């Protein structure tokens, strides 16, 4: 498992575990059935998936653009604001 130190938060980030699927969570997600909220759930899932992929892709790259995208994604993922 690859562990790196976050750039400024001091929180260790575990990169390797992000690429492993969480079977139980996926199953729970799809067992909810179809409802009027299905488009919103699909959008939320797509946004989260994009964030995880961005986090993984730019974590170890060293140019300014990659660093900025990684930091923005890191801040979004670690944000405690639940709204």
N, C-alpha and C. Protein backbone atom coordinates (compact mmCIF):
# COMPACT_ATOMS: atom_id res chain seq x y z
N UNK A 1 0.84 -1.17 0.00
CA UNK A 1 0.00 0.00 0.00
C UNK A 1 0.89 1.23 0.00
N UNK A 2 0.61 2.17 -0.89
CA UNK A 2 1.41 3.39 -0.99
C UNK A 2 0.86 4.44 -0.05
N UNK A 3 1.69 4.94 0.83
CA UNK A 3 1.27 6.00 1.73
C UNK A 3 2.18 7.19 1.50
N UNK A 4 1.59 8.37 1.29
CA UNK A 4 2.37 9.58 1.13
C UNK A 4 1.87 10.59 2.14
N UNK A 5 2.67 11.56 2.43
CA UNK A 5 2.29 12.62 3.35
C UNK A 5 1.60 13.73 2.56
N UNK A 6 0.48 14.19 3.03
CA UNK A 6 -0.23 15.27 2.39
C UNK A 6 0.66 16.50 2.32
N UNK A 7 0.46 17.34 1.28
CA UNK A 7 1.33 18.50 1.06
C UNK A 7 1.29 19.52 2.20
N UNK A 8 0.10 19.82 2.71
CA UNK A 8 0.06 20.86 3.74
C UNK A 8 -0.83 20.52 4.93
N UNK A 9 -1.64 19.49 4.82
CA UNK A 9 -2.56 19.20 5.91
C UNK A 9 -1.94 18.36 7.00
N UNK A 10 -0.82 17.67 6.70
CA UNK A 10 -0.19 16.81 7.69
C UNK A 10 -0.93 15.51 7.88
N UNK A 11 -1.95 15.26 7.07
CA UNK A 11 -2.73 14.04 7.17
C UNK A 11 -2.18 13.03 6.17
N UNK A 12 -1.81 11.82 6.60
CA UNK A 12 -1.32 10.83 5.65
C UNK A 12 -2.45 10.36 4.74
N UNK A 13 -2.15 10.23 3.47
CA UNK A 13 -3.14 9.79 2.49
C UNK A 13 -2.75 8.39 2.01
N UNK A 14 -3.70 7.50 1.97
CA UNK A 14 -3.44 6.15 1.50
C UNK A 14 -3.95 6.05 0.08
N UNK A 15 -3.03 6.06 -0.87
CA UNK A 15 -3.39 6.06 -2.28
C UNK A 15 -3.83 4.68 -2.74
N UNK A 16 -3.09 3.65 -2.36
CA UNK A 16 -3.39 2.31 -2.85
C UNK A 16 -4.78 1.83 -2.51
N UNK A 17 -5.27 2.15 -1.33
CA UNK A 17 -6.59 1.65 -0.93
C UNK A 17 -7.72 2.32 -1.71
N UNK A 18 -7.47 3.47 -2.31
CA UNK A 18 -8.52 4.14 -3.07
C UNK A 18 -8.85 3.42 -4.36
N UNK A 19 -7.92 2.62 -4.86
CA UNK A 19 -8.17 1.92 -6.12
C UNK A 19 -8.84 0.57 -5.91
N UNK A 20 -9.01 0.15 -4.66
CA UNK A 20 -9.67 -1.12 -4.38
C UNK A 20 -11.16 -0.87 -4.20
N UNK A 21 -12.01 -1.62 -4.93
CA UNK A 21 -13.45 -1.38 -4.81
C UNK A 21 -13.97 -1.80 -3.44
N UNK A 22 -14.91 -1.06 -2.95
CA UNK A 22 -15.59 -1.40 -1.71
C UNK A 22 -16.87 -2.13 -2.08
N UNK A 23 -16.79 -3.44 -2.13
CA UNK A 23 -17.88 -4.26 -2.62
C UNK A 23 -19.16 -4.04 -1.82
N UNK A 24 -19.07 -4.01 -0.52
CA UNK A 24 -20.25 -3.84 0.31
C UNK A 24 -20.91 -2.49 0.04
N UNK A 25 -20.13 -1.43 -0.03
CA UNK A 25 -20.70 -0.11 -0.27
C UNK A 25 -21.36 -0.06 -1.64
N UNK A 26 -20.73 -0.64 -2.65
CA UNK A 26 -21.32 -0.66 -3.99
C UNK A 26 -22.63 -1.43 -3.98
N UNK A 27 -22.65 -2.57 -3.32
CA UNK A 27 -23.86 -3.38 -3.26
C UNK A 27 -24.97 -2.63 -2.53
N UNK A 28 -24.63 -1.98 -1.44
CA UNK A 28 -25.63 -1.20 -0.71
C UNK A 28 -26.17 -0.07 -1.58
N UNK A 29 -25.28 0.52 -2.35
CA UNK A 29 -25.70 1.63 -3.22
C UNK A 29 -26.74 1.15 -4.23
N UNK A 30 -26.47 0.03 -4.88
CA UNK A 30 -27.36 -0.45 -5.93
C UNK A 30 -28.59 -1.17 -5.38
N UNK A 31 -28.56 -1.63 -4.14
CA UNK A 31 -29.71 -2.30 -3.54
C UNK A 31 -30.81 -1.32 -3.13
N UNK A 32 -30.56 -0.05 -3.21
CA UNK A 32 -31.54 0.95 -2.80
C UNK A 32 -32.74 0.98 -3.72
N UNK A 33 -32.63 0.39 -4.89
CA UNK A 33 -33.75 0.37 -5.84
C UNK A 33 -33.84 1.66 -6.63
N UNK A 34 -34.76 1.69 -7.53
CA UNK A 34 -34.94 2.89 -8.34
C UNK A 34 -35.94 3.80 -7.66
N UNK A 35 -35.68 5.07 -7.74
CA UNK A 35 -36.58 6.05 -7.15
C UNK A 35 -36.49 7.33 -7.96
N UNK A 36 -37.20 8.33 -7.54
CA UNK A 36 -37.15 9.62 -8.21
C UNK A 36 -35.80 10.29 -8.08
N UNK A 37 -34.96 9.81 -7.17
CA UNK A 37 -33.65 10.42 -6.96
C UNK A 37 -32.54 9.74 -7.75
N UNK A 38 -32.84 8.79 -8.58
CA UNK A 38 -31.81 8.06 -9.30
C UNK A 38 -30.89 8.98 -10.11
N UNK A 39 -31.38 9.99 -10.83
CA UNK A 39 -30.45 10.88 -11.55
C UNK A 39 -29.49 11.61 -10.61
N UNK A 40 -29.99 12.05 -9.45
CA UNK A 40 -29.12 12.74 -8.49
C UNK A 40 -28.07 11.80 -7.93
N UNK A 41 -28.47 10.57 -7.65
CA UNK A 41 -27.51 9.57 -7.13
C UNK A 41 -26.46 9.25 -8.17
N UNK A 42 -26.87 9.14 -9.43
CA UNK A 42 -25.91 8.88 -10.50
C UNK A 42 -24.92 10.03 -10.62
N UNK A 43 -25.41 11.25 -10.51
CA UNK A 43 -24.53 12.41 -10.58
C UNK A 43 -23.57 12.45 -9.40
N UNK A 44 -24.08 12.19 -8.19
CA UNK A 44 -23.21 12.17 -7.01
C UNK A 44 -22.12 11.11 -7.15
N UNK A 45 -22.49 9.94 -7.64
CA UNK A 45 -21.52 8.87 -7.85
C UNK A 45 -20.47 9.28 -8.88
N UNK A 46 -20.90 9.91 -9.98
CA UNK A 46 -19.97 10.34 -11.03
C UNK A 46 -19.00 11.40 -10.51
N UNK A 47 -19.49 12.34 -9.70
CA UNK A 47 -18.63 13.38 -9.12
C UNK A 47 -17.61 12.77 -8.18
N UNK A 48 -18.05 11.85 -7.33
CA UNK A 48 -17.14 11.19 -6.39
C UNK A 48 -16.10 10.36 -7.14
N UNK A 49 -16.53 9.62 -8.15
CA UNK A 49 -15.60 8.81 -8.94
C UNK A 49 -14.56 9.70 -9.62
N UNK A 50 -14.98 10.83 -10.18
CA UNK A 50 -14.05 11.76 -10.82
C UNK A 50 -13.04 12.30 -9.81
N UNK A 51 -13.50 12.61 -8.61
CA UNK A 51 -12.60 13.12 -7.58
C UNK A 51 -11.56 12.09 -7.18
N UNK A 52 -11.97 10.85 -7.01
CA UNK A 52 -11.03 9.78 -6.63
C UNK A 52 -10.02 9.56 -7.75
N UNK A 53 -10.49 9.53 -9.00
CA UNK A 53 -9.58 9.34 -10.13
C UNK A 53 -8.60 10.50 -10.25
N UNK A 54 -9.06 11.72 -10.05
CA UNK A 54 -8.19 12.90 -10.09
C UNK A 54 -7.17 12.83 -8.96
N UNK A 55 -7.61 12.47 -7.77
CA UNK A 55 -6.73 12.35 -6.62
C UNK A 55 -5.61 11.35 -6.90
N UNK A 56 -5.97 10.20 -7.47
CA UNK A 56 -4.97 9.17 -7.77
C UNK A 56 -4.05 9.61 -8.90
N UNK A 57 -4.60 10.19 -9.94
CA UNK A 57 -3.82 10.55 -11.13
C UNK A 57 -2.77 11.61 -10.82
N UNK A 58 -3.11 12.61 -10.03
CA UNK A 58 -2.22 13.75 -9.82
C UNK A 58 -1.44 13.69 -8.51
N UNK A 59 -1.61 12.65 -7.73
CA UNK A 59 -0.96 12.57 -6.42
C UNK A 59 0.56 12.60 -6.51
N UNK A 60 1.13 11.91 -7.46
CA UNK A 60 2.59 11.79 -7.52
C UNK A 60 3.22 12.59 -8.64
N UNK A 61 2.42 13.32 -9.42
CA UNK A 61 2.98 14.16 -10.47
C UNK A 61 3.50 15.45 -9.86
N UNK A 62 4.50 16.04 -10.54
CA UNK A 62 5.24 17.13 -9.90
C UNK A 62 5.10 18.48 -10.59
N UNK A 63 4.34 18.60 -11.67
CA UNK A 63 4.24 19.91 -12.31
C UNK A 63 3.18 20.77 -11.62
N UNK A 64 3.18 22.05 -11.91
CA UNK A 64 2.32 23.01 -11.21
C UNK A 64 0.83 22.71 -11.42
N UNK A 65 0.44 22.37 -12.64
CA UNK A 65 -0.96 22.07 -12.94
C UNK A 65 -1.44 20.85 -12.15
N UNK A 66 -0.66 19.78 -12.17
CA UNK A 66 -1.02 18.55 -11.45
C UNK A 66 -1.09 18.80 -9.95
N UNK A 67 -0.16 19.56 -9.43
CA UNK A 67 -0.15 19.87 -8.00
C UNK A 67 -1.39 20.65 -7.60
N UNK A 68 -1.78 21.62 -8.43
CA UNK A 68 -2.98 22.42 -8.14
C UNK A 68 -4.23 21.54 -8.15
N UNK A 69 -4.37 20.69 -9.18
CA UNK A 69 -5.53 19.81 -9.25
C UNK A 69 -5.57 18.83 -8.08
N UNK A 70 -4.41 18.29 -7.72
CA UNK A 70 -4.36 17.38 -6.58
C UNK A 70 -4.79 18.09 -5.31
N UNK A 71 -4.27 19.28 -5.06
CA UNK A 71 -4.60 20.02 -3.83
C UNK A 71 -6.09 20.36 -3.77
N UNK A 72 -6.67 20.81 -4.90
CA UNK A 72 -8.09 21.14 -4.92
C UNK A 72 -8.93 19.89 -4.62
N UNK A 73 -8.55 18.77 -5.21
CA UNK A 73 -9.27 17.53 -4.97
C UNK A 73 -9.10 17.06 -3.54
N UNK A 74 -7.89 17.16 -3.02
CA UNK A 74 -7.62 16.77 -1.63
C UNK A 74 -8.47 17.59 -0.66
N UNK A 75 -8.53 18.88 -0.88
CA UNK A 75 -9.33 19.76 -0.01
C UNK A 75 -10.80 19.37 -0.09
N UNK A 76 -11.30 19.09 -1.29
CA UNK A 76 -12.70 18.73 -1.47
C UNK A 76 -13.02 17.40 -0.77
N UNK A 77 -12.14 16.41 -0.92
CA UNK A 77 -12.37 15.10 -0.32
C UNK A 77 -12.32 15.17 1.21
N UNK A 78 -11.37 15.93 1.75
CA UNK A 78 -11.17 15.99 3.20
C UNK A 78 -12.05 17.03 3.89
N UNK A 79 -12.82 17.78 3.13
CA UNK A 79 -13.66 18.84 3.71
C UNK A 79 -14.71 18.23 4.65
N UNK A 80 -14.88 18.83 5.82
CA UNK A 80 -15.86 18.36 6.80
C UNK A 80 -17.25 18.96 6.60
N UNK A 81 -17.41 19.84 5.67
CA UNK A 81 -18.70 20.46 5.40
C UNK A 81 -19.61 19.45 4.72
N UNK A 82 -20.68 19.05 5.35
CA UNK A 82 -21.56 18.00 4.83
C UNK A 82 -22.74 18.54 4.03
N UNK A 83 -22.75 19.81 3.73
CA UNK A 83 -23.88 20.39 2.98
C UNK A 83 -23.71 20.19 1.50
